Amino acid sequence: MEWLTGPYEVAFVQRALWSGILVSLICATTGTWVVLRGMTFLGDAMSHGMLPGVALASLHGSSLLVGAAVSAGVMACGVTVLGRSRRLSQDTGIGLLFVGMLSLGVIIVSRSQSFAVDLTGFLFGDVLAVREQDLVNLTVALCAATLVSVLGYRSFLALVVDERKAHTLGLRPRLAHAALLGLVTLAIVTSFHVVGTLLVFGLLIAPPAAALPWARRVPVVMCGAALFGMTATFAGLLLSWHLRTAAGATIAAVAVVLFFLSASAAGLRRRRSKDARPLPALET
């Protein structure tokens, strides 16, 4: 029991746990729509496309949160504009913006003397250095994400099922897609400076994907994703404490491992259900 509870008697580990739980809830709410909508590549691109804004804010001593928000906003606008082009597929436009923004960010960061440290902090964050104000910001972001998801539930669901049908029903799929982009931006921007883009993207994708085989309703998928995310946070922090590994990367790795375990268990369940079916009677 001491092995399990000992690390969480330390104040900064407790704050790290609470921040991980809040990020898990935010990412469960947002990531479920990302997975169902097939926007995984977009989520990855947006999480890394914030680097130019973060780098500029860091070099000029400005707010990293503001820099990330501006850069993510530019990325979202670029995706929207290129997505309307008939000559380019959406994936091609996202890929171009992804490479361009990431390259620009690395160029800006390389001008500083702490290139490796700054880039490592951007990717992996420092979940063990979470402050009380960070927890407040994450709580506000969770409330906002929940509100947007509830208000836009019908539109998001119709957008997932059939965009043309959503347009026929008057649910304004373009506006719904823009709101979904805003939801992804909110989740990434409010979480990255605490846990890094790697952990944000890991919790945005892995827990919903792990919960998807076990649920048929979107709210149930979100609840399952939240449980998987919180489990990954608790186990990841525990392992990182005892193994002396990077906390953010360990949490992300545990989230991915949980996905593979869930997918394997779901596949085994399907095979057993098929084997349990009675064989058809022979015709006489």
Protein backbone atom coordinates (compact mmCIF):
# COMPACT_ATOMS: atom_id res chain seq x y z
CA MET A 1 0.00 0.00 0.00
CA GLU A 2 2.87 2.36 0.74
CA TRP A 3 4.18 1.69 -2.77
CA LEU A 4 0.81 2.81 -4.16
CA THR A 5 0.02 5.73 -1.89
CA GLY A 6 3.46 7.00 -0.90
CA PRO A 7 4.06 9.25 -3.95
CA TYR A 8 0.65 10.90 -3.57
CA GLU A 9 1.47 12.13 -0.09
CA VAL A 10 3.75 14.72 -1.74
CA ALA A 11 2.04 18.04 -2.51
CA PHE A 12 3.36 18.55 -6.04
CA VAL A 13 2.44 14.98 -7.01
CA GLN A 14 -1.08 15.61 -5.73
CA ARG A 15 -1.33 18.71 -7.92
CA ALA A 16 0.02 16.70 -10.84
CA LEU A 17 -2.66 14.06 -10.25
CA TRP A 18 -5.46 16.64 -10.12
CA SER A 19 -4.18 18.35 -13.26
CA GLY A 20 -4.02 14.99 -15.03
CA ILE A 21 -7.59 14.21 -13.98
CA LEU A 22 -8.83 17.57 -15.27
CA VAL A 23 -6.94 17.16 -18.54
CA SER A 24 -8.36 13.63 -18.85
CA LEU A 25 -11.92 14.96 -18.47
CA ILE A 26 -11.33 17.76 -20.99
CA CYS A 27 -9.74 15.39 -23.48
CA ALA A 28 -12.46 12.78 -22.98
CA THR A 29 -15.13 15.34 -23.82
CA THR A 30 -13.26 16.68 -26.84
CA GLY A 31 -11.37 13.59 -27.95
CA THR A 32 -14.51 11.51 -28.35
CA TRP A 33 -15.69 13.83 -31.10
CA VAL A 34 -12.20 13.90 -32.62
CA VAL A 35 -12.08 10.10 -32.84
CA LEU A 36 -15.66 9.71 -34.09
CA ARG A 37 -15.20 12.47 -36.65
CA GLY A 38 -11.89 11.03 -37.87
CA MET A 39 -9.94 14.19 -36.97
CA THR A 40 -6.96 12.46 -35.37
CA PHE A 41 -4.43 13.88 -37.81
CA LEU A 42 -5.92 17.35 -37.32
CA GLY A 43 -5.54 17.02 -33.56
CA ASP A 44 -1.90 16.06 -33.94
CA ALA A 45 -1.27 18.91 -36.36
CA MET A 46 -2.92 21.48 -34.10
CA SER A 47 -1.07 20.31 -31.00
CA HIS A 48 2.29 20.74 -32.72
CA GLY A 49 1.24 23.74 -34.81
CA MET A 50 1.21 25.89 -31.67
CA LEU A 51 5.01 25.90 -31.53
CA PRO A 52 5.57 29.21 -33.41
CA GLY A 53 3.31 31.16 -31.07
CA VAL A 54 4.76 29.52 -27.97
CA ALA A 55 8.31 30.12 -29.19
CA LEU A 56 7.68 33.80 -29.92
CA ALA A 57 5.97 34.30 -26.58
CA SER A 58 8.86 32.61 -24.79
CA LEU A 59 11.50 34.71 -26.58
CA HIS A 60 9.68 37.98 -25.82
CA GLY A 61 8.68 37.07 -22.26
CA SER A 62 4.97 37.09 -23.06
CA SER A 63 2.21 34.74 -21.93
CA LEU A 64 2.69 31.25 -23.38
CA LEU A 65 -1.07 30.72 -23.20
CA VAL A 66 -1.73 33.75 -25.41
CA GLY A 67 0.98 32.73 -27.85
CA ALA A 68 -0.42 29.21 -28.08
CA ALA A 69 -3.96 30.53 -28.58
CA VAL A 70 -2.89 32.84 -31.41
CA SER A 71 -0.89 30.12 -33.15
CA ALA A 72 -3.69 27.58 -32.76
CA GLY A 73 -6.17 30.14 -34.10
CA VAL A 74 -4.00 30.68 -37.18
CA MET A 75 -3.78 26.92 -37.63
CA ALA A 76 -7.57 26.49 -37.34
CA CYS A 77 -8.23 29.31 -39.83
CA GLY A 78 -5.72 27.82 -42.24
CA VAL A 79 -7.36 24.40 -42.03
CA THR A 80 -10.77 25.98 -42.66
CA VAL A 81 -9.56 27.95 -45.69
CA LEU A 82 -7.62 25.09 -47.29
CA GLY A 83 -10.49 22.70 -46.56
CA ARG A 84 -12.68 24.69 -48.97
CA SER A 85 -10.25 24.17 -51.86
CA ARG A 86 -11.40 21.62 -54.42
CA ARG A 87 -7.87 20.95 -55.63
CA LEU A 88 -6.49 19.89 -52.27
CA SER A 89 -7.83 17.19 -49.98
CA GLN A 90 -8.30 18.11 -46.34
CA ASP A 91 -5.48 15.79 -45.25
CA THR A 92 -3.10 17.44 -47.72
CA GLY A 93 -3.95 20.91 -46.42
CA ILE A 94 -3.54 19.82 -42.81
CA GLY A 95 -0.22 18.14 -43.62
CA LEU A 96 1.13 21.28 -45.31
CA LEU A 97 0.13 23.48 -42.38
CA PHE A 98 1.50 20.95 -39.90
CA VAL A 99 4.94 20.84 -41.50
CA GLY A 100 5.03 24.58 -42.13
CA MET A 101 4.03 25.62 -38.60
CA LEU A 102 6.27 23.06 -36.92
CA SER A 103 9.25 24.05 -39.06
CA LEU A 104 8.66 27.73 -38.35
CA GLY A 105 8.46 27.00 -34.64
CA VAL A 106 11.71 25.03 -34.63
CA ILE A 107 13.44 27.85 -36.55
CA ILE A 108 12.25 30.39 -33.97
CA VAL A 109 13.22 28.19 -31.03
CA SER A 110 16.65 27.53 -32.54
CA ARG A 111 17.48 31.22 -32.18
CA SER A 112 17.40 30.86 -28.40
CA GLN A 113 20.32 29.50 -26.40
CA SER A 114 18.19 26.83 -24.72
CA PHE A 115 16.94 25.16 -27.90
CA ALA A 116 16.81 21.58 -26.61
CA VAL A 117 15.33 22.51 -23.24
CA ASP A 118 12.60 24.71 -24.74
CA LEU A 119 11.59 22.11 -27.33
CA THR A 120 11.56 19.31 -24.75
CA GLY A 121 9.37 21.39 -22.45
CA PHE A 122 6.97 22.08 -25.30
CA LEU A 123 6.64 18.38 -26.19
CA PHE A 124 6.56 16.84 -22.71
CA GLY A 125 5.60 19.70 -20.40
CA ASP A 126 6.24 19.52 -16.67
CA VAL A 127 3.24 18.00 -14.98
CA LEU A 128 5.09 17.92 -11.65
CA ALA A 129 5.40 21.71 -11.69
CA VAL A 130 1.67 22.43 -11.84
CA ARG A 131 0.53 25.47 -9.84
CA GLU A 132 -2.77 26.23 -8.17
CA GLN A 133 -3.61 28.74 -10.92
CA ASP A 134 -3.12 26.03 -13.54
CA LEU A 135 -5.74 23.91 -11.80
CA VAL A 136 -8.16 26.84 -11.84
CA ASN A 137 -7.55 27.39 -15.57
CA LEU A 138 -8.11 23.72 -16.31
CA THR A 139 -11.35 23.73 -14.30
CA VAL A 140 -12.66 26.71 -16.28
CA ALA A 141 -11.64 25.00 -19.53
CA LEU A 142 -13.46 21.82 -18.47
CA CYS A 143 -16.65 23.77 -17.78
CA ALA A 144 -16.39 25.51 -21.16
CA ALA A 145 -15.70 22.27 -23.03
CA THR A 146 -18.63 20.54 -21.33
CA LEU A 147 -20.96 23.45 -22.16
CA VAL A 148 -19.94 23.53 -25.83
CA SER A 149 -20.27 19.77 -26.12
CA VAL A 150 -23.75 19.78 -24.56
CA LEU A 151 -25.04 22.71 -26.62
CA GLY A 152 -23.59 21.34 -29.85
CA TYR A 153 -24.40 17.69 -29.18
CA ARG A 154 -27.02 17.27 -31.92
CA SER A 155 -24.97 19.15 -34.49
CA PHE A 156 -21.77 17.28 -33.65
CA LEU A 157 -23.57 13.93 -33.75
CA ALA A 158 -25.16 14.70 -37.13
CA LEU A 159 -21.77 15.83 -38.41
CA VAL A 160 -20.27 12.50 -37.37
CA VAL A 161 -23.06 10.43 -38.94
CA ASP A 162 -23.54 12.26 -42.25
CA GLU A 163 -22.54 15.82 -43.07
CA ARG A 164 -25.04 16.05 -45.96
CA LYS A 165 -27.87 14.88 -43.74
CA ALA A 166 -26.86 17.45 -41.14
CA HIS A 167 -27.17 20.14 -43.80
CA THR A 168 -30.58 18.81 -44.81
CA LEU A 169 -31.76 18.93 -41.19
CA GLY A 170 -30.66 22.56 -40.93
CA LEU A 171 -27.98 21.85 -38.33
CA ARG A 172 -25.39 24.01 -40.14
CA PRO A 173 -22.51 21.53 -40.46
CA ARG A 174 -19.93 24.21 -41.31
CA LEU A 175 -20.69 26.07 -38.11
CA ALA A 176 -20.63 22.78 -36.19
CA HIS A 177 -17.24 21.93 -37.70
CA ALA A 178 -15.92 25.37 -36.74
CA ALA A 179 -17.22 24.88 -33.19
CA LEU A 180 -15.54 21.48 -33.08
CA LEU A 181 -12.27 23.06 -34.17
CA GLY A 182 -12.71 25.60 -31.39
CA LEU A 183 -13.31 22.79 -28.91
CA VAL A 184 -10.11 21.01 -29.98
CA THR A 185 -8.21 24.30 -29.77
CA LEU A 186 -9.52 24.93 -26.27
CA ALA A 187 -8.48 21.48 -25.05
CA ILE A 188 -5.00 21.71 -26.52
CA VAL A 189 -4.22 25.32 -25.60
CA THR A 190 -5.37 25.10 -21.98
CA SER A 191 -3.58 21.80 -21.35
CA PHE A 192 -0.29 21.89 -23.26
CA HIS A 193 1.58 24.33 -20.99
CA VAL A 194 0.88 22.04 -18.05
CA VAL A 195 1.46 18.59 -19.56
CA GLY A 196 3.01 19.22 -22.98
CA THR A 197 1.67 18.49 -26.46
CA LEU A 198 2.60 14.80 -26.29
CA LEU A 199 0.41 14.12 -23.28
CA VAL A 200 -2.43 16.29 -24.60
CA PHE A 201 -2.51 14.42 -27.90
CA GLY A 202 -2.10 11.07 -26.15
CA LEU A 203 -5.07 11.69 -23.83
CA LEU A 204 -7.06 13.24 -26.67
CA ILE A 205 -6.91 10.09 -28.81
CA ALA A 206 -5.98 6.97 -26.82
CA PRO A 207 -8.71 6.94 -24.08
CA PRO A 208 -11.67 7.56 -26.46
CA ALA A 209 -10.29 4.96 -28.87
CA ALA A 210 -9.95 2.52 -25.96
CA ALA A 211 -13.54 3.14 -24.82
CA LEU A 212 -15.09 3.01 -28.28
CA PRO A 213 -15.34 -0.83 -28.63
CA TRP A 214 -17.25 -1.06 -25.34
CA ALA A 215 -19.95 1.56 -25.87
CA ARG A 216 -22.55 2.47 -28.46
CA ARG A 217 -23.61 5.89 -27.20
CA VAL A 218 -21.47 9.00 -27.28
CA PRO A 219 -21.96 9.95 -23.59
CA VAL A 220 -20.95 6.42 -22.56
CA VAL A 221 -17.83 6.66 -24.74
CA MET A 222 -16.96 9.95 -23.04
CA CYS A 223 -17.37 8.42 -19.57
CA GLY A 224 -15.25 5.43 -20.56
CA ALA A 225 -12.61 7.71 -22.04
CA ALA A 226 -12.52 9.71 -18.81
CA LEU A 227 -11.98 6.51 -16.79
CA PHE A 228 -9.21 5.34 -19.10
CA GLY A 229 -7.56 8.78 -18.99
CA MET A 230 -7.68 9.02 -15.20
CA THR A 231 -6.34 5.48 -14.90
CA ALA A 232 -3.46 6.37 -17.21
CA THR A 233 -2.73 9.48 -15.15
CA PHE A 234 -2.68 7.63 -11.83
CA ALA A 235 -0.63 4.69 -13.11
CA GLY A 236 1.70 6.91 -15.16
CA LEU A 237 2.55 9.17 -12.23
CA LEU A 238 3.08 6.16 -10.00
CA LEU A 239 5.42 4.46 -12.47
CA SER A 240 7.33 7.66 -13.21
CA TRP A 241 7.90 8.19 -9.47
CA HIS A 242 9.30 4.72 -8.85
CA LEU A 243 11.12 4.32 -12.18
CA ARG A 244 12.34 7.93 -12.24
CA THR A 245 11.07 8.54 -15.76
CA ALA A 246 9.49 11.62 -17.36
CA ALA A 247 5.99 11.95 -15.91
CA GLY A 248 4.22 13.32 -19.00
CA ALA A 249 5.74 10.77 -21.36
CA THR A 250 4.99 7.92 -18.94
CA ILE A 251 1.33 8.93 -18.67
CA ALA A 252 1.03 9.10 -22.47
CA ALA A 253 2.70 5.69 -22.82
CA VAL A 254 0.34 4.13 -20.27
CA ALA A 255 -2.65 5.61 -22.15
CA VAL A 256 -1.47 3.95 -25.37
CA VAL A 257 -0.86 0.63 -23.57
CA LEU A 258 -4.40 0.77 -22.16
CA PHE A 259 -5.73 1.26 -25.69
CA PHE A 260 -3.97 -1.87 -26.95
CA LEU A 261 -5.18 -3.86 -23.94
CA SER A 262 -8.73 -2.66 -24.52
CA ALA A 263 -8.57 -3.41 -28.25
CA SER A 264 -7.18 -6.90 -27.56
CA ALA A 265 -9.87 -7.62 -24.96
CA ALA A 266 -12.59 -6.40 -27.33
CA GLY A 267 -11.24 -8.60 -30.12
CA LEU A 268 -11.16 -11.61 -27.79
CA ARG A 269 -14.74 -10.92 -26.73
CA ARG A 270 -15.88 -10.80 -30.37
CA ARG A 271 -14.19 -14.11 -31.16
CA ARG A 272 -15.75 -15.77 -28.13
CA SER A 273 -19.20 -14.48 -29.03
CA LYS A 274 -18.83 -15.91 -32.52
CA ASP A 275 -17.70 -19.28 -31.16
CA ALA A 276 -20.60 -19.35 -28.70
CA ARG A 277 -23.20 -19.05 -31.44
CA PRO A 278 -24.99 -22.35 -32.09
CA LEU A 279 -24.19 -24.06 -35.37
CA PRO A 280 -27.02 -24.07 -37.90
CA ALA A 281 -29.06 -27.27 -37.98
CA LEU A 282 -28.33 -29.65 -40.81
CA GLU A 283 -30.93 -29.80 -43.51
CA THR A 284 -32.61 -33.13 -43.99
